[in-house]
Amino acid sequence: MHCPFCRHPDSRVVDSRTTDDGTSIRRRRQCPDCSRRFTTVETCSLMVVKRSGVTEPFSRTKVINGVRKACQGRPVTEDALAQLGQRVEEAVRATGSAELTTHDVGLAILGPLQELDLVAYLRFASVYRAFNSLEDFEAAIAELREVTPDPAADDGHVEDAAAGSQEDQSGTGRTTQVPVPARAAD
């Protein structure tokens, strides 16, 4: 590391500390020539290979901005978006790869976004997966219904399976429908 003051080609590390989020290291250095001190911050570079083949540094801000568009008009806070961006960055860094594709980043976004807001998830997935028809949306919704239980369908009451029907007492074996009164909200 060159000294920023005298351009001496070497320096001595006086102190090292990790940053609060653990993604970089702050080093306090001293020049052996002029004895002046300076600080460096070291981070691990993470590159994203775009579809066009262009490589650019990973940007948490770009992830948040892309998800923000999908969340437009939805009850999603900026804090929730920031947490999603952090989760995505942690997930892609945890792969241990120095280069990722945009596809890998998109996959890392889909999981946390699905937990955050299902409508925003569908919006993002429709662009990311390049939905071309209503069938694509229907298939994605069917997948969500398999994974996510509908809270409106489960009202907390367990109904008797035979409550809606009753055997005819005439001995013919026919079943007739008997209306079941709706329960009042608890």
N, C-alpha and C. Protein backbone atom coordinates (compact mmCIF):
# COMPACT_ATOMS: atom_id res chain seq x y z
N MET A 1 0.86 -1.17 0.00
CA MET A 1 0.00 0.00 0.00
C MET A 1 0.90 1.23 0.00
N HIS A 2 0.74 2.09 -1.00
CA HIS A 2 1.52 3.33 -1.10
C HIS A 2 1.01 4.35 -0.09
N CYS A 3 1.94 5.06 0.49
CA CYS A 3 1.58 6.15 1.41
C CYS A 3 0.92 7.26 0.59
N PRO A 4 -0.24 7.74 1.00
CA PRO A 4 -0.91 8.81 0.24
C PRO A 4 -0.21 10.16 0.38
N PHE A 5 0.71 10.30 1.33
CA PHE A 5 1.38 11.57 1.57
C PHE A 5 2.71 11.67 0.83
N CYS A 6 3.55 10.65 0.96
CA CYS A 6 4.89 10.72 0.36
C CYS A 6 5.09 9.70 -0.77
N ARG A 7 4.08 8.87 -1.02
CA ARG A 7 4.10 7.84 -2.08
C ARG A 7 5.13 6.75 -1.84
N HIS A 8 5.56 6.58 -0.60
CA HIS A 8 6.46 5.48 -0.27
C HIS A 8 5.73 4.17 -0.57
N PRO A 9 6.39 3.18 -1.16
CA PRO A 9 5.70 1.97 -1.62
C PRO A 9 5.29 0.97 -0.53
N ASP A 10 5.54 1.28 0.71
CA ASP A 10 5.23 0.32 1.77
C ASP A 10 4.57 1.04 2.94
N SER A 11 3.87 0.28 3.77
CA SER A 11 3.29 0.82 5.00
C SER A 11 3.18 -0.31 6.02
N ARG A 12 3.03 0.06 7.26
CA ARG A 12 2.94 -0.90 8.36
C ARG A 12 1.54 -0.80 8.95
N VAL A 13 0.90 -1.96 9.19
CA VAL A 13 -0.44 -1.98 9.79
C VAL A 13 -0.30 -1.81 11.29
N VAL A 14 -0.96 -0.77 11.82
CA VAL A 14 -0.92 -0.46 13.24
C VAL A 14 -2.12 -1.09 13.97
N ASP A 15 -3.28 -1.09 13.32
CA ASP A 15 -4.50 -1.59 13.95
C ASP A 15 -5.45 -2.10 12.87
N SER A 16 -6.17 -3.20 13.14
CA SER A 16 -7.17 -3.76 12.22
C SER A 16 -8.46 -4.03 12.97
N ARG A 17 -9.58 -3.65 12.36
CA ARG A 17 -10.90 -3.89 12.96
C ARG A 17 -11.90 -4.19 11.85
N THR A 18 -12.82 -5.10 12.13
CA THR A 18 -13.88 -5.33 11.16
C THR A 18 -14.96 -4.28 11.37
N THR A 19 -15.67 -3.96 10.31
CA THR A 19 -16.76 -3.00 10.43
C THR A 19 -17.93 -3.66 11.14
N ASP A 20 -18.90 -2.87 11.54
CA ASP A 20 -20.04 -3.38 12.30
C ASP A 20 -20.80 -4.47 11.55
N ASP A 21 -20.97 -4.30 10.23
CA ASP A 21 -21.72 -5.30 9.47
C ASP A 21 -20.86 -6.49 9.05
N GLY A 22 -19.56 -6.43 9.32
CA GLY A 22 -18.68 -7.55 9.06
C GLY A 22 -18.29 -7.77 7.62
N THR A 23 -18.60 -6.81 6.75
CA THR A 23 -18.32 -6.99 5.32
C THR A 23 -16.99 -6.39 4.89
N SER A 24 -16.35 -5.66 5.78
CA SER A 24 -15.06 -5.06 5.42
C SER A 24 -14.17 -4.93 6.66
N ILE A 25 -12.90 -4.65 6.38
CA ILE A 25 -11.91 -4.50 7.45
C ILE A 25 -11.30 -3.10 7.36
N ARG A 26 -11.27 -2.42 8.49
CA ARG A 26 -10.66 -1.09 8.58
C ARG A 26 -9.26 -1.26 9.15
N ARG A 27 -8.28 -0.77 8.41
CA ARG A 27 -6.88 -0.89 8.88
C ARG A 27 -6.28 0.50 9.05
N ARG A 28 -5.63 0.69 10.17
CA ARG A 28 -4.89 1.93 10.45
C ARG A 28 -3.44 1.61 10.11
N ARG A 29 -2.86 2.40 9.22
CA ARG A 29 -1.50 2.14 8.73
C ARG A 29 -0.58 3.31 9.04
N GLN A 30 0.73 3.03 9.05
CA GLN A 30 1.73 4.07 9.27
C GLN A 30 2.83 3.90 8.23
N CYS A 31 3.23 5.01 7.65
CA CYS A 31 4.29 5.01 6.65
C CYS A 31 5.65 4.92 7.37
N PRO A 32 6.55 4.00 6.97
CA PRO A 32 7.87 3.92 7.62
C PRO A 32 8.80 5.05 7.21
N ASP A 33 8.46 5.74 6.13
CA ASP A 33 9.32 6.81 5.64
C ASP A 33 8.98 8.15 6.29
N CYS A 34 7.71 8.59 6.20
CA CYS A 34 7.33 9.90 6.74
C CYS A 34 6.62 9.80 8.10
N SER A 35 6.33 8.60 8.58
CA SER A 35 5.70 8.32 9.87
C SER A 35 4.27 8.83 9.99
N ARG A 36 3.66 9.23 8.90
CA ARG A 36 2.27 9.69 8.95
C ARG A 36 1.35 8.48 8.90
N ARG A 37 0.18 8.64 9.53
CA ARG A 37 -0.79 7.55 9.60
C ARG A 37 -1.96 7.82 8.66
N PHE A 38 -2.55 6.73 8.16
CA PHE A 38 -3.73 6.82 7.29
C PHE A 38 -4.56 5.55 7.46
N THR A 39 -5.79 5.62 7.02
CA THR A 39 -6.73 4.50 7.19
C THR A 39 -7.11 3.94 5.83
N THR A 40 -7.19 2.61 5.75
CA THR A 40 -7.70 1.96 4.55
C THR A 40 -8.89 1.08 4.94
N VAL A 41 -9.78 0.86 4.00
CA VAL A 41 -10.91 -0.03 4.21
C VAL A 41 -10.85 -1.08 3.12
N GLU A 42 -10.81 -2.34 3.54
CA GLU A 42 -10.71 -3.44 2.59
C GLU A 42 -12.04 -4.18 2.52
N THR A 43 -12.51 -4.39 1.31
CA THR A 43 -13.72 -5.17 1.11
C THR A 43 -13.46 -6.24 0.05
N CYS A 44 -14.21 -7.30 0.13
CA CYS A 44 -14.11 -8.37 -0.86
C CYS A 44 -14.95 -7.94 -2.06
N SER A 45 -14.37 -7.96 -3.23
CA SER A 45 -15.13 -7.54 -4.40
C SER A 45 -16.03 -8.67 -4.88
N LEU A 46 -17.23 -8.32 -5.26
CA LEU A 46 -18.22 -9.25 -5.76
C LEU A 46 -18.73 -8.69 -7.08
N MET A 47 -18.52 -9.43 -8.14
CA MET A 47 -18.87 -8.95 -9.48
C MET A 47 -20.10 -9.69 -10.00
N VAL A 48 -20.91 -8.96 -10.77
CA VAL A 48 -22.11 -9.52 -11.39
C VAL A 48 -21.92 -9.51 -12.90
N VAL A 49 -22.12 -10.66 -13.53
CA VAL A 49 -22.02 -10.76 -14.98
C VAL A 49 -23.42 -10.61 -15.54
N LYS A 50 -23.63 -9.56 -16.33
CA LYS A 50 -24.93 -9.29 -16.90
C LYS A 50 -25.15 -10.16 -18.14
N ARG A 51 -26.38 -10.19 -18.63
CA ARG A 51 -26.72 -11.01 -19.80
C ARG A 51 -25.90 -10.62 -21.03
N SER A 52 -25.56 -9.35 -21.12
CA SER A 52 -24.79 -8.86 -22.27
C SER A 52 -23.32 -9.26 -22.19
N GLY A 53 -22.92 -9.82 -21.05
CA GLY A 53 -21.52 -10.20 -20.85
C GLY A 53 -20.72 -9.17 -20.09
N VAL A 54 -21.28 -8.00 -19.89
CA VAL A 54 -20.61 -6.93 -19.15
C VAL A 54 -20.55 -7.31 -17.67
N THR A 55 -19.42 -7.04 -17.03
CA THR A 55 -19.25 -7.32 -15.61
C THR A 55 -19.23 -6.01 -14.85
N GLU A 56 -19.97 -5.97 -13.74
CA GLU A 56 -19.99 -4.77 -12.90
C GLU A 56 -20.04 -5.19 -11.44
N PRO A 57 -19.62 -4.31 -10.53
CA PRO A 57 -19.65 -4.65 -9.10
C PRO A 57 -21.08 -4.83 -8.61
N PHE A 58 -21.26 -5.76 -7.67
CA PHE A 58 -22.57 -5.96 -7.05
C PHE A 58 -22.97 -4.68 -6.33
N SER A 59 -24.24 -4.33 -6.45
CA SER A 59 -24.74 -3.12 -5.80
C SER A 59 -26.02 -3.44 -5.05
N ARG A 60 -25.96 -3.31 -3.73
CA ARG A 60 -27.16 -3.50 -2.91
C ARG A 60 -28.21 -2.45 -3.27
N THR A 61 -27.76 -1.25 -3.61
CA THR A 61 -28.68 -0.18 -4.00
C THR A 61 -29.47 -0.54 -5.25
N LYS A 62 -28.82 -1.18 -6.22
CA LYS A 62 -29.52 -1.60 -7.43
C LYS A 62 -30.56 -2.66 -7.12
N VAL A 63 -30.25 -3.56 -6.20
CA VAL A 63 -31.21 -4.59 -5.80
C VAL A 63 -32.43 -3.93 -5.17
N ILE A 64 -32.18 -3.00 -4.24
CA ILE A 64 -33.29 -2.32 -3.54
C ILE A 64 -34.13 -1.52 -4.52
N ASN A 65 -33.50 -0.82 -5.47
CA ASN A 65 -34.25 -0.03 -6.45
C ASN A 65 -35.12 -0.92 -7.33
N GLY A 66 -34.60 -2.07 -7.73
CA GLY A 66 -35.38 -3.00 -8.54
C GLY A 66 -36.58 -3.56 -7.78
N VAL A 67 -36.37 -3.90 -6.52
CA VAL A 67 -37.45 -4.42 -5.70
C VAL A 67 -38.45 -3.32 -5.37
N ARG A 68 -37.97 -2.10 -5.20
CA ARG A 68 -38.86 -0.97 -4.90
C ARG A 68 -39.89 -0.80 -6.00
N LYS A 69 -39.48 -0.99 -7.25
CA LYS A 69 -40.42 -0.88 -8.38
C LYS A 69 -41.51 -1.95 -8.26
N ALA A 70 -41.14 -3.16 -7.87
CA ALA A 70 -42.13 -4.23 -7.71
C ALA A 70 -43.05 -3.97 -6.53
N CYS A 71 -42.57 -3.22 -5.54
CA CYS A 71 -43.35 -2.93 -4.33
C CYS A 71 -44.16 -1.65 -4.43
N GLN A 72 -44.14 -1.00 -5.56
CA GLN A 72 -44.85 0.27 -5.72
C GLN A 72 -46.33 0.09 -5.42
N GLY A 73 -46.85 0.91 -4.51
CA GLY A 73 -48.25 0.86 -4.13
C GLY A 73 -48.56 -0.23 -3.11
N ARG A 74 -47.57 -0.92 -2.63
CA ARG A 74 -47.74 -1.98 -1.66
C ARG A 74 -47.32 -1.47 -0.28
N PRO A 75 -47.83 -2.08 0.79
CA PRO A 75 -47.48 -1.62 2.15
C PRO A 75 -46.10 -2.14 2.59
N VAL A 76 -45.06 -1.71 1.89
CA VAL A 76 -43.70 -2.14 2.20
C VAL A 76 -42.89 -0.91 2.58
N THR A 77 -42.25 -0.95 3.73
CA THR A 77 -41.49 0.19 4.24
C THR A 77 -40.07 0.21 3.66
N GLU A 78 -39.43 1.35 3.75
CA GLU A 78 -38.04 1.47 3.32
C GLU A 78 -37.12 0.60 4.18
N ASP A 79 -37.45 0.48 5.47
CA ASP A 79 -36.66 -0.38 6.35
C ASP A 79 -36.72 -1.83 5.89
N ALA A 80 -37.92 -2.26 5.48
CA ALA A 80 -38.08 -3.64 5.01
C ALA A 80 -37.28 -3.85 3.72
N LEU A 81 -37.26 -2.84 2.85
CA LEU A 81 -36.47 -2.93 1.62
C LEU A 81 -34.97 -3.00 1.94
N ALA A 82 -34.54 -2.21 2.90
CA ALA A 82 -33.12 -2.22 3.29
C ALA A 82 -32.74 -3.59 3.86
N GLN A 83 -33.62 -4.16 4.67
CA GLN A 83 -33.34 -5.49 5.23
C GLN A 83 -33.30 -6.55 4.13
N LEU A 84 -34.20 -6.42 3.15
CA LEU A 84 -34.20 -7.35 2.03
C LEU A 84 -32.89 -7.24 1.26
N GLY A 85 -32.44 -6.00 1.01
CA GLY A 85 -31.17 -5.79 0.31
C GLY A 85 -30.00 -6.41 1.06
N GLN A 86 -30.01 -6.29 2.38
CA GLN A 86 -28.94 -6.89 3.19
C GLN A 86 -28.99 -8.41 3.12
N ARG A 87 -30.20 -8.98 3.19
CA ARG A 87 -30.34 -10.44 3.11
C ARG A 87 -29.86 -10.97 1.77
N VAL A 88 -30.19 -10.25 0.70
CA VAL A 88 -29.76 -10.67 -0.63
C VAL A 88 -28.24 -10.62 -0.73
N GLU A 89 -27.64 -9.52 -0.26
CA GLU A 89 -26.19 -9.40 -0.32
C GLU A 89 -25.52 -10.50 0.51
N GLU A 90 -26.03 -10.77 1.70
CA GLU A 90 -25.46 -11.84 2.52
C GLU A 90 -25.58 -13.19 1.82
N ALA A 91 -26.70 -13.42 1.15
CA ALA A 91 -26.91 -14.70 0.45
C ALA A 91 -25.94 -14.87 -0.71
N VAL A 92 -25.74 -13.81 -1.50
CA VAL A 92 -24.84 -13.94 -2.65
C VAL A 92 -23.39 -14.00 -2.20
N ARG A 93 -23.04 -13.31 -1.13
CA ARG A 93 -21.67 -13.41 -0.61
C ARG A 93 -21.41 -14.78 0.00
N ALA A 94 -22.44 -15.39 0.57
CA ALA A 94 -22.29 -16.70 1.19
C ALA A 94 -22.00 -17.80 0.17
N THR A 95 -22.25 -17.53 -1.10
CA THR A 95 -21.95 -18.53 -2.12
C THR A 95 -20.45 -18.75 -2.23
N GLY A 96 -19.67 -17.74 -1.84
CA GLY A 96 -18.22 -17.85 -1.90
C GLY A 96 -17.65 -17.58 -3.28
N SER A 97 -18.49 -17.24 -4.21
CA SER A 97 -18.05 -16.97 -5.58
C SER A 97 -17.75 -15.49 -5.74
N ALA A 98 -16.70 -15.20 -6.50
CA ALA A 98 -16.33 -13.80 -6.74
C ALA A 98 -17.15 -13.20 -7.87
N GLU A 99 -17.71 -14.07 -8.74
CA GLU A 99 -18.55 -13.61 -9.85
C GLU A 99 -19.87 -14.36 -9.84
N LEU A 100 -20.94 -13.61 -10.01
CA LEU A 100 -22.28 -14.18 -10.07
C LEU A 100 -22.96 -13.69 -11.33
N THR A 101 -23.95 -14.43 -11.78
CA THR A 101 -24.75 -13.96 -12.92
C THR A 101 -25.95 -13.19 -12.38
N THR A 102 -26.59 -12.43 -13.24
CA THR A 102 -27.80 -11.72 -12.84
C THR A 102 -28.88 -12.73 -12.45
N HIS A 103 -28.84 -13.92 -13.06
CA HIS A 103 -29.79 -14.98 -12.72
C HIS A 103 -29.63 -15.38 -11.26
N ASP A 104 -28.39 -15.53 -10.80
CA ASP A 104 -28.11 -15.89 -9.41
C ASP A 104 -28.63 -14.81 -8.45
N VAL A 105 -28.43 -13.57 -8.82
CA VAL A 105 -28.89 -12.46 -7.97
C VAL A 105 -30.42 -12.46 -7.93
N GLY A 106 -31.06 -12.69 -9.08
CA GLY A 106 -32.53 -12.75 -9.12
C GLY A 106 -33.08 -13.85 -8.25
N LEU A 107 -32.44 -15.01 -8.28
CA LEU A 107 -32.88 -16.11 -7.41
C LEU A 107 -32.74 -15.74 -5.94
N ALA A 108 -31.68 -15.03 -5.61
CA ALA A 108 -31.47 -14.60 -4.22
C ALA A 108 -32.52 -13.58 -3.79
N ILE A 109 -33.07 -12.83 -4.72
CA ILE A 109 -34.09 -11.83 -4.40
C ILE A 109 -35.46 -12.49 -4.19
N LEU A 110 -35.79 -13.49 -4.99
CA LEU A 110 -37.14 -14.06 -4.97
C LEU A 110 -37.56 -14.60 -3.60
N GLY A 111 -36.66 -15.29 -2.91
CA GLY A 111 -37.02 -15.86 -1.60
C GLY A 111 -37.43 -14.82 -0.57
N PRO A 112 -36.55 -13.85 -0.28
CA PRO A 112 -36.93 -12.82 0.70
C PRO A 112 -38.12 -11.97 0.25
N LEU A 113 -38.25 -11.74 -1.06
CA LEU A 113 -39.36 -10.93 -1.55
C LEU A 113 -40.68 -11.67 -1.38
N GLN A 114 -40.67 -12.98 -1.54
CA GLN A 114 -41.88 -13.77 -1.34
C GLN A 114 -42.35 -13.66 0.10
N GLU A 115 -41.41 -13.65 1.04
CA GLU A 115 -41.76 -13.49 2.45
C GLU A 115 -42.26 -12.09 2.76
N LEU A 116 -41.74 -11.10 2.02
CA LEU A 116 -42.09 -9.71 2.27
C LEU A 116 -43.47 -9.36 1.77
N ASP A 117 -43.77 -9.65 0.49
CA ASP A 117 -45.05 -9.28 -0.10
C ASP A 117 -45.31 -10.15 -1.32
N LEU A 118 -46.42 -10.88 -1.32
CA LEU A 118 -46.70 -11.82 -2.41
C LEU A 118 -47.01 -11.11 -3.73
N VAL A 119 -47.70 -9.98 -3.67
CA VAL A 119 -48.01 -9.25 -4.90
C VAL A 119 -46.72 -8.71 -5.53
N ALA A 120 -45.86 -8.15 -4.71
CA ALA A 120 -44.58 -7.65 -5.22
C ALA A 120 -43.75 -8.81 -5.76
N TYR A 121 -43.82 -9.95 -5.09
CA TYR A 121 -43.11 -11.15 -5.58
C TYR A 121 -43.59 -11.51 -6.98
N LEU A 122 -44.91 -11.54 -7.19
CA LEU A 122 -45.44 -11.88 -8.52
C LEU A 122 -45.01 -10.86 -9.56
N ARG A 123 -45.02 -9.60 -9.19
CA ARG A 123 -44.59 -8.56 -10.14
C ARG A 123 -43.13 -8.77 -10.54
N PHE A 124 -42.28 -8.98 -9.54
CA PHE A 124 -40.85 -9.17 -9.82
C PHE A 124 -40.63 -10.46 -10.61
N ALA A 125 -41.30 -11.53 -10.20
CA ALA A 125 -41.14 -12.82 -10.88
C ALA A 125 -41.63 -12.75 -12.32
N SER A 126 -42.64 -11.95 -12.59
CA SER A 126 -43.15 -11.85 -13.96
C SER A 126 -42.11 -11.25 -14.90
N VAL A 127 -41.32 -10.34 -14.40
CA VAL A 127 -40.25 -9.75 -15.21
C VAL A 127 -39.04 -10.67 -15.22
N TYR A 128 -38.66 -11.16 -14.04
CA TYR A 128 -37.45 -11.99 -13.91
C TYR A 128 -37.59 -13.28 -14.69
N ARG A 129 -38.75 -13.93 -14.60
CA ARG A 129 -38.99 -15.19 -15.30
C ARG A 129 -39.57 -14.99 -16.70
N ALA A 130 -39.77 -13.75 -17.10
CA ALA A 130 -40.28 -13.39 -18.44
C ALA A 130 -41.62 -14.07 -18.73
N PHE A 131 -42.62 -13.79 -17.88
CA PHE A 131 -43.96 -14.33 -18.12
C PHE A 131 -44.47 -13.81 -19.46
N ASN A 132 -45.07 -14.69 -20.26
CA ASN A 132 -45.57 -14.30 -21.58
C ASN A 132 -47.08 -14.44 -21.70
N SER A 133 -47.72 -15.11 -20.75
CA SER A 133 -49.15 -15.36 -20.87
C SER A 133 -49.79 -15.43 -19.49
N LEU A 134 -51.12 -15.47 -19.51
CA LEU A 134 -51.85 -15.61 -18.26
C LEU A 134 -51.55 -16.95 -17.60
N GLU A 135 -51.27 -17.97 -18.41
CA GLU A 135 -50.96 -19.29 -17.87
C GLU A 135 -49.70 -19.24 -17.00
N ASP A 136 -48.74 -18.40 -17.39
CA ASP A 136 -47.53 -18.24 -16.59
C ASP A 136 -47.86 -17.68 -15.21
N PHE A 137 -48.75 -16.67 -15.18
CA PHE A 137 -49.17 -16.09 -13.90
C PHE A 137 -49.95 -17.13 -13.09
N GLU A 138 -50.86 -17.84 -13.76
CA GLU A 138 -51.66 -18.84 -13.06
C GLU A 138 -50.77 -19.93 -12.45
N ALA A 139 -49.75 -20.35 -13.17
CA ALA A 139 -48.84 -21.37 -12.66
C ALA A 139 -48.08 -20.84 -11.44
N ALA A 140 -47.64 -19.58 -11.50
CA ALA A 140 -46.92 -18.99 -10.37
C ALA A 140 -47.84 -18.85 -9.16
N ILE A 141 -49.08 -18.46 -9.39
CA ILE A 141 -50.04 -18.33 -8.30
C ILE A 141 -50.34 -19.70 -7.69
N ALA A 142 -50.47 -20.73 -8.55
CA ALA A 142 -50.71 -22.08 -8.04
C ALA A 142 -49.54 -22.54 -7.17
N GLU A 143 -48.31 -22.23 -7.58
CA GLU A 143 -47.14 -22.57 -6.76
C GLU A 143 -47.20 -21.87 -5.41
N LEU A 144 -47.58 -20.59 -5.42
CA LEU A 144 -47.68 -19.84 -4.17
C LEU A 144 -48.75 -20.42 -3.26
N ARG A 145 -49.86 -20.85 -3.85
CA ARG A 145 -50.93 -21.42 -3.04
C ARG A 145 -50.52 -22.73 -2.40
N GLU A 146 -49.67 -23.49 -3.07
CA GLU A 146 -49.17 -24.75 -2.50
C GLU A 146 -48.26 -24.48 -1.31
N VAL A 147 -47.46 -23.43 -1.43
CA VAL A 147 -46.47 -23.11 -0.40
C VAL A 147 -47.07 -22.29 0.73
N THR A 148 -47.93 -21.33 0.39
CA THR A 148 -48.47 -20.39 1.36
C THR A 148 -49.93 -20.69 1.63
N PRO A 149 -50.31 -21.07 2.85
CA PRO A 149 -51.72 -21.31 3.16
C PRO A 149 -52.51 -20.01 3.12
N ASP A 150 -53.73 -20.08 2.64
CA ASP A 150 -54.60 -18.91 2.56
C ASP A 150 -55.19 -18.64 3.94
N PRO A 151 -54.86 -17.50 4.58
CA PRO A 151 -55.37 -17.23 5.92
C PRO A 151 -56.88 -17.03 5.94
N ALA A 152 -57.50 -16.62 4.83
CA ALA A 152 -58.94 -16.41 4.79
C ALA A 152 -59.68 -17.74 4.77
N ALA A 153 -59.05 -18.81 4.25
CA ALA A 153 -59.69 -20.11 4.18
C ALA A 153 -59.75 -20.78 5.54
N ASP A 154 -58.86 -20.46 6.43
CA ASP A 154 -58.82 -21.07 7.75
C ASP A 154 -59.31 -20.05 8.77
N ASP A 155 -60.58 -20.21 9.18
CA ASP A 155 -61.12 -19.26 10.14
C ASP A 155 -61.01 -19.75 11.58
N GLY A 156 -60.25 -20.85 11.77
CA GLY A 156 -60.02 -21.32 13.12
C GLY A 156 -61.07 -22.31 13.61
N HIS A 157 -62.14 -22.55 12.85
CA HIS A 157 -63.18 -23.47 13.26
C HIS A 157 -63.01 -24.79 12.53
N VAL A 158 -63.21 -25.87 13.26
CA VAL A 158 -63.17 -27.19 12.65
C VAL A 158 -64.61 -27.65 12.53
N GLU A 159 -65.06 -27.82 11.30
CA GLU A 159 -66.43 -28.21 11.05
C GLU A 159 -66.53 -29.72 10.98
N ASP A 160 -67.63 -30.26 11.40
CA ASP A 160 -67.90 -31.68 11.28
C ASP A 160 -68.13 -31.98 9.80
N ALA A 161 -67.48 -32.99 9.28
CA ALA A 161 -67.57 -33.30 7.86
C ALA A 161 -68.98 -33.67 7.45
N ALA A 162 -69.76 -34.23 8.35
CA ALA A 162 -71.13 -34.65 8.01
C ALA A 162 -72.16 -33.59 8.40
N ALA A 163 -71.75 -32.44 8.81
CA ALA A 163 -72.69 -31.42 9.28
C ALA A 163 -73.59 -30.93 8.17
N GLY A 164 -73.14 -30.97 6.94
CA GLY A 164 -73.94 -30.46 5.83
C GLY A 164 -74.86 -31.48 5.22
N SER A 165 -74.79 -32.75 5.62
CA SER A 165 -75.68 -33.76 5.04
C SER A 165 -76.24 -34.64 6.13
N GLN A 166 -77.36 -35.27 5.81
CA GLN A 166 -78.02 -36.11 6.79
C GLN A 166 -78.71 -37.25 6.04
N GLU A 167 -78.58 -38.47 6.53
CA GLU A 167 -79.22 -39.60 5.88
C GLU A 167 -80.72 -39.51 6.03
N ASP A 168 -81.41 -39.89 4.97
CA ASP A 168 -82.87 -39.93 5.00
C ASP A 168 -83.29 -41.09 5.89
N GLN A 169 -84.20 -40.87 6.78
CA GLN A 169 -84.64 -41.88 7.73
C GLN A 169 -85.62 -42.87 7.10
N SER A 170 -85.98 -42.70 5.83
CA SER A 170 -86.97 -43.58 5.20
C SER A 170 -86.39 -44.93 4.82
N GLY A 171 -85.05 -45.08 4.90
CA GLY A 171 -84.43 -46.34 4.60
C GLY A 171 -84.06 -46.50 3.13
N THR A 172 -84.24 -45.47 2.34
CA THR A 172 -83.91 -45.56 0.92
C THR A 172 -82.43 -45.36 0.67
N GLY A 173 -81.71 -44.88 1.64
CA GLY A 173 -80.28 -44.67 1.50
C GLY A 173 -79.92 -43.36 0.83
N ARG A 174 -80.93 -42.55 0.55
CA ARG A 174 -80.66 -41.26 -0.07
C ARG A 174 -80.17 -40.27 0.97
N THR A 175 -79.33 -39.34 0.50
CA THR A 175 -78.81 -38.30 1.37
C THR A 175 -79.41 -36.98 0.95
N THR A 176 -79.87 -36.21 1.89
CA THR A 176 -80.42 -34.90 1.58
C THR A 176 -79.54 -33.84 2.23
N GLN A 177 -79.46 -32.69 1.60
CA GLN A 177 -78.67 -31.59 2.13
C GLN A 177 -79.48 -30.83 3.17
N VAL A 178 -78.85 -30.59 4.29
CA VAL A 178 -79.47 -29.81 5.36
C VAL A 178 -78.64 -28.54 5.52
N PRO A 179 -79.27 -27.37 5.42
CA PRO A 179 -78.48 -26.14 5.56
C PRO A 179 -77.92 -26.02 6.97
N VAL A 180 -76.65 -25.59 7.02
CA VAL A 180 -75.97 -25.38 8.30
C VAL A 180 -75.92 -23.89 8.53
N PRO A 181 -76.41 -23.41 9.66
CA PRO A 181 -76.39 -21.97 9.92
C PRO A 181 -74.95 -21.48 10.04
N ALA A 182 -74.70 -20.29 9.52
CA ALA A 182 -73.38 -19.68 9.60
C ALA A 182 -73.09 -19.28 11.03
N ARG A 183 -71.87 -19.47 11.46
CA ARG A 183 -71.48 -19.08 12.81
C ARG A 183 -71.21 -17.59 12.87
N ALA A 184 -71.55 -17.02 13.97
CA ALA A 184 -71.23 -15.61 14.19
C ALA A 184 -69.75 -15.51 14.49
N ALA A 185 -69.17 -14.39 14.13
CA ALA A 185 -67.74 -14.17 14.38
C ALA A 185 -67.49 -14.17 15.88
N ASP A 186 -66.42 -14.84 16.30
CA ASP A 186 -66.07 -14.92 17.73
C ASP A 186 -65.52 -13.64 18.22
